[in-house]
PDB file of N, CA and C in Angstrom:
ATOM      1  N   ARG A   1     -26.462 -11.634  20.148  1.00  0.00           N
ATOM      2  CA  ARG A   1     -25.183 -11.922  20.787  1.00  0.00           C
ATOM      3  C   ARG A   1     -24.157 -10.885  20.348  1.00  0.00           C
ATOM      4  N   GLN A   2     -23.236 -10.565  21.228  1.00  0.00           N
ATOM      5  CA  GLN A   2     -22.200  -9.574  20.947  1.00  0.00           C
ATOM      6  C   GLN A   2     -21.245 -10.102  19.880  1.00  0.00           C
ATOM      7  N   ASP A   3     -20.921  -9.264  18.905  1.00  0.00           N
ATOM      8  CA  ASP A   3     -19.927  -9.628  17.899  1.00  0.00           C
ATOM      9  C   ASP A   3     -18.548  -9.314  18.446  1.00  0.00           C
ATOM     10  N   ARG A   4     -17.630 -10.252  18.279  1.00  0.00           N
ATOM     11  CA  ARG A   4     -16.264 -10.048  18.752  1.00  0.00           C
ATOM     12  C   ARG A   4     -15.323 -10.029  17.548  1.00  0.00           C
ATOM     13  N   PRO A   5     -14.764  -8.865  17.244  1.00  0.00           N
ATOM     14  CA  PRO A   5     -13.826  -8.781  16.125  1.00  0.00           C
ATOM     15  C   PRO A   5     -12.619  -9.685  16.368  1.00  0.00           C
ATOM     16  N   PRO A   6     -11.981 -10.209  15.306  1.00  0.00           N
ATOM     17  CA  PRO A   6     -10.865 -11.135  15.466  1.00  0.00           C
ATOM     18  C   PRO A   6      -9.675 -10.545  16.211  1.00  0.00           C
ATOM     19  N   LYS A   7      -9.495  -9.239  16.213  1.00  0.00           N
ATOM     20  CA  LYS A   7      -8.349  -8.627  16.892  1.00  0.00           C
ATOM     21  C   LYS A   7      -8.691  -8.188  18.308  1.00  0.00           C
ATOM     22  N   GLY A   8      -9.790  -8.661  18.868  1.00  0.00           N
ATOM     23  CA  GLY A   8     -10.150  -8.324  20.239  1.00  0.00           C
ATOM     24  C   GLY A   8     -11.246  -7.285  20.294  1.00  0.00           C
ATOM     25  N   GLY A   9     -11.726  -7.028  21.504  1.00  0.00           N
ATOM     26  CA  GLY A   9     -12.794  -6.060  21.693  1.00  0.00           C
ATOM     27  C   GLY A   9     -14.124  -6.602  21.221  1.00  0.00           C
ATOM     28  N   ARG A  10     -15.155  -5.809  21.383  1.00  0.00           N
ATOM     29  CA  ARG A  10     -16.477  -6.184  20.906  1.00  0.00           C
ATOM     30  C   ARG A  10     -17.266  -4.916  20.673  1.00  0.00           C
ATOM     31  N   HIS A  11     -18.312  -5.034  19.914  1.00  0.00           N
ATOM     32  CA  HIS A  11     -19.203  -3.913  19.656  1.00  0.00           C
ATOM     33  C   HIS A  11     -20.528  -4.198  20.345  1.00  0.00           C
ATOM     34  N   ALA A  12     -21.105  -3.205  20.968  1.00  0.00           N
ATOM     35  CA  ALA A  12     -22.386  -3.379  21.643  1.00  0.00           C
ATOM     36  C   ALA A  12     -23.488  -3.559  20.612  1.00  0.00           C
ATOM     37  N   SER A  13     -24.346  -4.552  20.838  1.00  0.00           N
ATOM     38  CA  SER A  13     -25.484  -4.748  19.945  1.00  0.00           C
ATOM     39  C   SER A  13     -26.666  -3.884  20.367  1.00  0.00           C
ATOM     40  N   HIS A  14     -26.650  -3.410  21.598  1.00  0.00           N
ATOM     41  CA  HIS A  14     -27.676  -2.510  22.129  1.00  0.00           C
ATOM     42  C   HIS A  14     -26.970  -1.458  22.973  1.00  0.00           C
ATOM     43  N   GLY A  15     -27.562  -0.288  23.079  1.00  0.00           N
ATOM     44  CA  GLY A  15     -26.991   0.743  23.931  1.00  0.00           C
ATOM     45  C   GLY A  15     -27.946   1.901  24.085  1.00  0.00           C
ATOM     46  N   ALA A  16     -27.677   2.729  25.074  1.00  0.00           N
ATOM     47  CA  ALA A  16     -28.527   3.887  25.332  1.00  0.00           C
ATOM     48  C   ALA A  16     -27.686   5.025  25.870  1.00  0.00           C
ATOM     49  N   ALA A  17     -28.091   6.230  25.521  1.00  0.00           N
ATOM     50  CA  ALA A  17     -27.495   7.430  26.104  1.00  0.00           C
ATOM     51  C   ALA A  17     -28.423   7.879  27.227  1.00  0.00           C
ATOM     52  N   LEU A  18     -27.867   8.068  28.397  1.00  0.00           N
ATOM     53  CA  LEU A  18     -28.624   8.532  29.557  1.00  0.00           C
ATOM     54  C   LEU A  18     -28.020   9.829  30.067  1.00  0.00           C
ATOM     55  N   ARG A  19     -28.862  10.755  30.481  1.00  0.00           N
ATOM     56  CA  ARG A  19     -28.397  11.977  31.144  1.00  0.00           C
ATOM     57  C   ARG A  19     -28.426  11.685  32.638  1.00  0.00           C
ATOM     58  N   ILE A  20     -27.267  11.745  33.279  1.00  0.00           N
ATOM     59  CA  ILE A  20     -27.146  11.462  34.708  1.00  0.00           C
ATOM     60  C   ILE A  20     -26.860  12.772  35.419  1.00  0.00           C
ATOM     61  N   GLU A  21     -27.640  13.054  36.451  1.00  0.00           N
ATOM     62  CA  GLU A  21     -27.476  14.285  37.217  1.00  0.00           C
ATOM     63  C   GLU A  21     -27.345  13.931  38.697  1.00  0.00           C
ATOM     64  N   ARG A  22     -26.248  14.369  39.302  1.00  0.00           N
ATOM     65  CA  ARG A  22     -26.004  14.070  40.709  1.00  0.00           C
ATOM     66  C   ARG A  22     -26.752  15.065  41.580  1.00  0.00           C
ATOM     67  N   GLY A  23     -27.522  14.554  42.525  1.00  0.00           N
ATOM     68  CA  GLY A  23     -28.257  15.386  43.467  1.00  0.00           C
ATOM     69  C   GLY A  23     -27.967  14.957  44.891  1.00  0.00           C
ATOM     70  N   GLU A  24     -28.597  15.632  45.844  1.00  0.00           N
ATOM     71  CA  GLU A  24     -28.376  15.297  47.254  1.00  0.00           C
ATOM     72  C   GLU A  24     -28.801  13.871  47.581  1.00  0.00           C
ATOM     73  N   GLY A  25     -29.873  13.399  46.929  1.00  0.00           N
ATOM     74  CA  GLY A  25     -30.406  12.080  47.237  1.00  0.00           C
ATOM     75  C   GLY A  25     -29.862  10.955  46.389  1.00  0.00           C
ATOM     76  N   GLY A  26     -28.997  11.258  45.416  1.00  0.00           N
ATOM     77  CA  GLY A  26     -28.459  10.224  44.542  1.00  0.00           C
ATOM     78  C   GLY A  26     -28.312  10.723  43.122  1.00  0.00           C
ATOM     79  N   PHE A  27     -28.381   9.813  42.181  1.00  0.00           N
ATOM     80  CA  PHE A  27     -28.172  10.127  40.774  1.00  0.00           C
ATOM     81  C   PHE A  27     -29.470   9.983  39.992  1.00  0.00           C
ATOM     82  N   ALA A  28     -29.967  11.093  39.450  1.00  0.00           N
ATOM     83  CA  ALA A  28     -31.152  11.057  38.591  1.00  0.00           C
ATOM     84  C   ALA A  28     -30.712  10.663  37.187  1.00  0.00           C
ATOM     85  N   ALA A  29     -31.562   9.923  36.485  1.00  0.00           N
ATOM     86  CA  ALA A  29     -31.248   9.475  35.127  1.00  0.00           C
ATOM     87  C   ALA A  29     -32.435   9.720  34.216  1.00  0.00           C
ATOM     88  N   ARG A  30     -32.152  10.127  32.990  1.00  0.00           N
ATOM     89  CA  ARG A  30     -33.176  10.293  31.962  1.00  0.00           C
ATOM     90  C   ARG A  30     -32.638   9.729  30.656  1.00  0.00           C
ATOM     91  N   TRP A  31     -33.462   8.956  29.989  1.00  0.00           N
ATOM     92  CA  TRP A  31     -33.093   8.368  28.708  1.00  0.00           C
ATOM     93  C   TRP A  31     -33.065   9.451  27.645  1.00  0.00           C
ATOM     94  N   ILE A  32     -32.001   9.512  26.862  1.00  0.00           N
ATOM     95  CA  ILE A  32     -31.875  10.480  25.775  1.00  0.00           C
ATOM     96  C   ILE A  32     -32.189   9.806  24.441  1.00  0.00           C
ATOM     97  N   GLY A  33     -31.632   8.645  24.214  1.00  0.00           N
ATOM     98  CA  GLY A  33     -31.863   7.947  22.958  1.00  0.00           C
ATOM     99  C   GLY A  33     -30.956   6.742  22.814  1.00  0.00           C
ATOM    100  N   THR A  34     -31.045   6.114  21.666  1.00  0.00           N
ATOM    101  CA  THR A  34     -30.258   4.932  21.356  1.00  0.00           C
ATOM    102  C   THR A  34     -28.807   5.324  21.090  1.00  0.00           C
ATOM    103  N   ALA A  35     -27.893   4.477  21.516  1.00  0.00           N
ATOM    104  CA  ALA A  35     -26.465   4.698  21.287  1.00  0.00           C
ATOM    105  C   ALA A  35     -25.792   3.338  21.133  1.00  0.00           C
ATOM    106  N   TYR A  36     -24.680   3.302  20.437  1.00  0.00           N
ATOM    107  CA  TYR A  36     -23.917   2.068  20.273  1.00  0.00           C
ATOM    108  C   TYR A  36     -22.461   2.355  20.597  1.00  0.00           C
ATOM    109  N   PHE A  37     -21.776   1.371  21.148  1.00  0.00           N
ATOM    110  CA  PHE A  37     -20.435   1.581  21.663  1.00  0.00           C
ATOM    111  C   PHE A  37     -19.493   0.475  21.228  1.00  0.00           C
ATOM    112  N   VAL A  38     -18.214   0.813  21.155  1.00  0.00           N
ATOM    113  CA  VAL A  38     -17.151  -0.173  21.079  1.00  0.00           C
ATOM    114  C   VAL A  38     -16.661  -0.308  22.506  1.00  0.00           C
ATOM    115  N   CYS A  39     -16.721  -1.509  23.031  1.00  0.00           N
ATOM    116  CA  CYS A  39     -16.458  -1.732  24.455  1.00  0.00           C
ATOM    117  C   CYS A  39     -14.984  -1.982  24.738  1.00  0.00           C
ATOM    118  N   ALA A  40     -14.639  -1.904  26.006  1.00  0.00           N
ATOM    119  CA  ALA A  40     -13.254  -2.003  26.461  1.00  0.00           C
ATOM    120  C   ALA A  40     -12.691  -3.415  26.335  1.00  0.00           C
ATOM    121  N   ASN A  41     -11.373  -3.477  26.281  1.00  0.00           N
ATOM    122  CA  ASN A  41     -10.615  -4.722  26.360  1.00  0.00           C
ATOM    123  C   ASN A  41      -9.877  -4.748  27.682  1.00  0.00           C
ATOM    124  N   GLY A  42      -9.329  -5.881  28.047  1.00  0.00           N
ATOM    125  CA  GLY A  42      -8.470  -5.979  29.214  1.00  0.00           C
ATOM    126  C   GLY A  42      -9.214  -5.885  30.521  1.00  0.00           C
ATOM    127  N   GLY A  43      -8.614  -5.187  31.488  1.00  0.00           N
ATOM    128  CA  GLY A  43      -9.147  -5.108  32.837  1.00  0.00           C
ATOM    129  C   GLY A  43     -10.466  -4.377  32.976  1.00  0.00           C
ATOM    130  N   LEU A  44     -10.874  -3.613  31.975  1.00  0.00           N
ATOM    131  CA  LEU A  44     -12.130  -2.866  32.055  1.00  0.00           C
ATOM    132  C   LEU A  44     -13.332  -3.645  31.532  1.00  0.00           C
ATOM    133  N   THR A  45     -13.122  -4.830  31.003  1.00  0.00           N
ATOM    134  CA  THR A  45     -14.231  -5.591  30.430  1.00  0.00           C
ATOM    135  C   THR A  45     -15.107  -6.183  31.526  1.00  0.00           C
ATOM    136  N   ILE A  46     -16.355  -6.460  31.163  1.00  0.00           N
ATOM    137  CA  ILE A  46     -17.259  -7.157  32.078  1.00  0.00           C
ATOM    138  C   ILE A  46     -17.390  -8.594  31.597  1.00  0.00           C
ATOM    139  N   ASP A  47     -17.845  -9.480  32.483  1.00  0.00           N
ATOM    140  CA  ASP A  47     -17.913 -10.886  32.087  1.00  0.00           C
ATOM    141  C   ASP A  47     -19.118 -11.162  31.186  1.00  0.00           C
ATOM    142  N   ASP A  48     -19.079 -12.313  30.530  1.00  0.00           N
ATOM    143  CA  ASP A  48     -20.117 -12.662  29.559  1.00  0.00           C
ATOM    144  C   ASP A  48     -21.507 -12.739  30.175  1.00  0.00           C
ATOM    145  N   SER A  49     -21.614 -13.169  31.436  1.00  0.00           N
ATOM    146  CA  SER A  49     -22.940 -13.261  32.059  1.00  0.00           C
ATOM    147  C   SER A  49     -23.559 -11.875  32.233  1.00  0.00           C
ATOM    148  N   GLU A  50     -22.757 -10.877  32.555  1.00  0.00           N
ATOM    149  CA  GLU A  50     -23.282  -9.518  32.677  1.00  0.00           C
ATOM    150  C   GLU A  50     -23.654  -8.954  31.300  1.00  0.00           C
ATOM    151  N   ILE A  51     -22.875  -9.273  30.289  1.00  0.00           N
ATOM    152  CA  ILE A  51     -23.203  -8.845  28.926  1.00  0.00           C
ATOM    153  C   ILE A  51     -24.546  -9.433  28.510  1.00  0.00           C
ATOM    154  N   GLU A  52     -24.741 -10.727  28.763  1.00  0.00           N
ATOM    155  CA  GLU A  52     -26.000 -11.387  28.402  1.00  0.00           C
ATOM    156  C   GLU A  52     -27.177 -10.792  29.171  1.00  0.00           C
ATOM    157  N   ALA A  53     -26.995 -10.509  30.462  1.00  0.00           N
ATOM    158  CA  ALA A  53     -28.073  -9.928  31.271  1.00  0.00           C
ATOM    159  C   ALA A  53     -28.443  -8.534  30.770  1.00  0.00           C
ATOM    160  N   LEU A  54     -27.454  -7.725  30.438  1.00  0.00           N
ATOM    161  CA  LEU A  54     -27.717  -6.379  29.933  1.00  0.00           C
ATOM    162  C   LEU A  54     -28.374  -6.433  28.550  1.00  0.00           C
ATOM    163  N   THR A  55     -27.920  -7.344  27.705  1.00  0.00           N
ATOM    164  CA  THR A  55     -28.553  -7.527  26.396  1.00  0.00           C
ATOM    165  C   THR A  55     -30.014  -7.933  26.563  1.00  0.00           C
ATOM    166  N   GLY A  56     -30.293  -8.824  27.511  1.00  0.00           N
ATOM    167  CA  GLY A  56     -31.669  -9.232  27.794  1.00  0.00           C
ATOM    168  C   GLY A  56     -32.527  -8.074  28.250  1.00  0.00           C
ATOM    169  N   ALA A  57     -31.973  -7.186  29.062  1.00  0.00           N
ATOM    170  CA  ALA A  57     -32.717  -6.005  29.523  1.00  0.00           C
ATOM    171  C   ALA A  57     -33.083  -5.114  28.337  1.00  0.00           C
ATOM    172  N   PHE A  58     -32.157  -4.909  27.416  1.00  0.00           N
ATOM    173  CA  PHE A  58     -32.463  -4.105  26.226  1.00  0.00           C
ATOM    174  C   PHE A  58     -33.537  -4.766  25.372  1.00  0.00           C
ATOM    175  N   ARG A  59     -33.487  -6.070  25.248  1.00  0.00           N
ATOM    176  CA  ARG A  59     -34.497  -6.782  24.445  1.00  0.00           C
ATOM    177  C   ARG A  59     -35.885  -6.685  25.076  1.00  0.00           C
ATOM    178  N   ARG A  60     -35.962  -6.697  26.412  1.00  0.00           N
ATOM    179  CA  ARG A  60     -37.258  -6.559  27.098  1.00  0.00           C
ATOM    180  C   ARG A  60     -37.829  -5.160  26.942  1.00  0.00           C
ATOM    181  N   GLY A  61     -36.953  -4.176  26.770  1.00  0.00           N
ATOM    182  CA  GLY A  61     -37.402  -2.794  26.611  1.00  0.00           C
ATOM    183  C   GLY A  61     -37.643  -2.108  27.945  1.00  0.00           C
ATOM    184  N   GLY A  62     -38.024  -0.837  27.870  1.00  0.00           N
ATOM    185  CA  GLY A  62     -38.365  -0.077  29.062  1.00  0.00           C
ATOM    186  C   GLY A  62     -37.294   0.863  29.573  1.00  0.00           C
ATOM    187  N   ILE A  63     -36.150   0.958  28.890  1.00  0.00           N
ATOM    188  CA  ILE A  63     -35.102   1.855  29.388  1.00  0.00           C
ATOM    189  C   ILE A  63     -35.579   3.297  29.445  1.00  0.00           C
ATOM    190  N   GLU A  64     -36.549   3.657  28.611  1.00  0.00           N
ATOM    191  CA  GLU A  64     -37.051   5.036  28.614  1.00  0.00           C
ATOM    192  C   GLU A  64     -37.756   5.395  29.921  1.00  0.00           C
ATOM    193  N   PHE A  65     -38.043   4.412  30.762  1.00  0.00           N
ATOM    194  CA  PHE A  65     -38.699   4.663  32.048  1.00  0.00           C
ATOM    195  C   PHE A  65     -37.718   4.726  33.219  1.00  0.00           C
ATOM    196  N   VAL A  66     -36.421   4.547  32.951  1.00  0.00           N
ATOM    197  CA  VAL A  66     -35.399   4.623  34.003  1.00  0.00           C
ATOM    198  C   VAL A  66     -35.312   6.051  34.518  1.00  0.00           C
ATOM    199  N   LYS A  67     -35.285   6.201  35.850  1.00  0.00           N
ATOM    200  CA  LYS A  67     -35.238   7.530  36.466  1.00  0.00           C
ATOM    201  C   LYS A  67     -34.079   7.719  37.433  1.00  0.00           C
ATOM    202  N   SER A  68     -33.345   6.646  37.735  1.00  0.00           N
ATOM    203  CA  SER A  68     -32.235   6.807  38.671  1.00  0.00           C
ATOM    204  C   SER A  68     -31.171   5.738  38.453  1.00  0.00           C
ATOM    205  N   VAL A  69     -29.968   6.078  38.899  1.00  0.00           N
ATOM    206  CA  VAL A  69     -28.837   5.156  38.900  1.00  0.00           C
ATOM    207  C   VAL A  69     -28.455   4.926  40.349  1.00  0.00           C
ATOM    208  N   LEU A  70     -28.334   3.678  40.736  1.00  0.00           N
ATOM    209  CA  LEU A  70     -27.816   3.351  42.063  1.00  0.00           C
ATOM    210  C   LEU A  70     -26.372   2.915  41.898  1.00  0.00           C
ATOM    211  N   TRP A  71     -25.502   3.437  42.748  1.00  0.00           N
ATOM    212  CA  TRP A  71     -24.082   3.117  42.694  1.00  0.00           C
ATOM    213  C   TRP A  71     -23.655   2.638  44.061  1.00  0.00           C
ATOM    214  N   LYS A  72     -23.232   1.379  44.131  1.00  0.00           N
ATOM    215  CA  LYS A  72     -22.791   0.764  45.385  1.00  0.00           C
ATOM    216  C   LYS A  72     -23.861   0.890  46.468  1.00  0.00           C
ATOM    217  N   THR A  73     -25.121   0.742  46.058  1.00  0.00           N
ATOM    218  CA  THR A  73     -26.278   0.805  46.949  1.00  0.00           C
ATOM    219  C   THR A  73     -27.168  -0.387  46.634  1.00  0.00           C
ATOM    220  N   GLU A  74     -27.751  -0.990  47.644  1.00  0.00           N
ATOM    221  CA  GLU A  74     -28.628  -2.146  47.443  1.00  0.00           C
ATOM    222  C   GLU A  74     -29.897  -1.731  46.700  1.00  0.00           C
ATOM    223  N   PRO A  75     -30.183  -2.331  45.542  1.00  0.00           N
ATOM    224  CA  PRO A  75     -31.389  -1.970  44.786  1.00  0.00           C
ATOM    225  C   PRO A  75     -32.647  -2.611  45.371  1.00  0.00           C
ATOM    226  N   ARG A  76     -33.793  -1.963  45.136  1.00  0.00           N
ATOM    227  CA  ARG A  76     -35.080  -2.518  45.546  1.00  0.00           C
ATOM    228  C   ARG A  76     -35.518  -3.549  44.513  1.00  0.00           C
ATOM    229  N   THR A  77     -35.811  -4.742  44.949  1.00  0.00           N
ATOM    230  CA  THR A  77     -36.252  -5.810  44.056  1.00  0.00           C
ATOM    231  C   THR A  77     -37.527  -5.398  43.328  1.00  0.00           C
ATOM    232  N   GLY A  78     -37.544  -5.612  42.029  1.00  0.00           N
ATOM    233  CA  GLY A  78     -38.715  -5.304  41.222  1.00  0.00           C
ATOM    234  C   GLY A  78     -38.827  -3.853  40.786  1.00  0.00           C
ATOM    235  N   ARG A  79     -37.908  -2.995  41.193  1.00  0.00           N
ATOM    236  CA  ARG A  79     -37.966  -1.571  40.854  1.00  0.00           C
ATOM    237  C   ARG A  79     -36.829  -1.151  39.930  1.00  0.00           C
ATOM    238  N   CYS A  80     -36.094  -2.118  39.394  1.00  0.00           N
ATOM    239  CA  CYS A  80     -34.943  -1.801  38.557  1.00  0.00           C
ATOM    240  C   CYS A  80     -35.099  -2.396  37.164  1.00  0.00           C
ATOM    241  N   TRP A  81     -34.686  -1.638  36.177  1.00  0.00           N
ATOM    242  CA  TRP A  81     -34.655  -2.109  34.802  1.00  0.00           C
ATOM    243  C   TRP A  81     -33.501  -3.090  34.620  1.00  0.00           C
ATOM    244  N   TYR A  82     -32.375  -2.787  35.289  1.00  0.00           N
ATOM    245  CA  TYR A  82     -31.198  -3.638  35.208  1.00  0.00           C
ATOM    246  C   TYR A  82     -30.407  -3.519  36.500  1.00  0.00           C
ATOM    247  N   ILE A  83     -29.906  -4.646  36.990  1.00  0.00           N
ATOM    248  CA  ILE A  83     -29.037  -4.660  38.168  1.00  0.00           C
ATOM    249  C   ILE A  83     -27.709  -5.284  37.752  1.00  0.00           C
ATOM    250  N   GLY A  84     -26.648  -4.501  37.864  1.00  0.00           N
ATOM    251  CA  GLY A  84     -25.309  -4.977  37.535  1.00  0.00           C
ATOM    252  C   GLY A  84     -24.494  -5.194  38.800  1.00  0.00           C
ATOM    253  N   ASP A  85     -23.194  -5.338  38.631  1.00  0.00           N
ATOM    254  CA  ASP A  85     -22.282  -5.514  39.752  1.00  0.00           C
ATOM    255  C   ASP A  85     -22.013  -4.158  40.398  1.00  0.00           C
ATOM    256  N   GLN A  86     -22.639  -3.888  41.521  1.00  0.00           N
ATOM    257  CA  GLN A  86     -22.504  -2.659  42.313  1.00  0.00           C
ATOM    258  C   GLN A  86     -23.191  -1.443  41.691  1.00  0.00           C
ATOM    259  N   TRP A  87     -24.095  -1.664  40.736  1.00  0.00           N
ATOM    260  CA  TRP A  87     -24.854  -0.550  40.163  1.00  0.00           C
ATOM    261  C   TRP A  87     -26.180  -1.066  39.620  1.00  0.00           C
ATOM    262  N   ALA A  88     -27.133  -0.155  39.464  1.00  0.00           N
ATOM    263  CA  ALA A  88     -28.441  -0.530  38.925  1.00  0.00           C
ATOM    264  C   ALA A  88     -29.092   0.681  38.270  1.00  0.00           C
ATOM    265  N   LEU A  89     -29.923   0.423  37.264  1.00  0.00           N
ATOM    266  CA  LEU A  89     -30.751   1.445  36.630  1.00  0.00           C
ATOM    267  C   LEU A  89     -32.181   1.175  37.077  1.00  0.00           C
ATOM    268  N   CYS A  90     -32.797   2.165  37.748  1.00  0.00           N
ATOM    269  CA  CYS A  90     -34.066   1.937  38.433  1.00  0.00           C
ATOM    270  C   CYS A  90     -35.177   2.859  37.946  1.00  0.00           C
ATOM    271  N   TYR A  91     -36.409   2.453  38.218  1.00  0.00           N
ATOM    272  CA  TYR A  91     -37.595   3.200  37.798  1.00  0.00           C
ATOM    273  C   TYR A  91     -37.984   4.313  38.772  1.00  0.00           C
ATOM    274  N   ASP A  92     -37.476   4.284  39.987  1.00  0.00           N
ATOM    275  CA  ASP A  92     -37.858   5.260  41.011  1.00  0.00           C
ATOM    276  C   ASP A  92     -37.079   6.559  40.869  1.00  0.00           C
ATOM    277  N   ASP A  93     -37.756   7.684  41.170  1.00  0.00           N
ATOM    278  CA  ASP A  93     -37.069   8.974  41.238  1.00  0.00           C
ATOM    279  C   ASP A  93     -36.093   8.969  42.406  1.00  0.00           C
ATOM    280  N   VAL A  94     -35.086   9.809  42.312  1.00  0.00           N
ATOM    281  CA  VAL A  94     -34.126   9.966  43.409  1.00  0.00           C
ATOM    282  C   VAL A  94     -34.761  10.823  44.478  1.00  0.00           C
TER     283      VAL A  94
END
């Protein structure tokens, strides 16, 4: 579960660095390694259900197989490591 400091904000319990490259067909993604973040407060925060879903994806593993980012595009069911609000990390090449 995400730790929430008493003065606001939270620290990511899981994270990844991805290299994103924009091409004609979309956004290619390659896993670089593990990363940890201090997340946003206020209007930039995501809701708890999305935090839990993303944490679950990290616990299941497999981010190293992500090959593309979908942005405001309908993802293919069963071909994504994680599906968020208007974005997804997917296993298919762009």
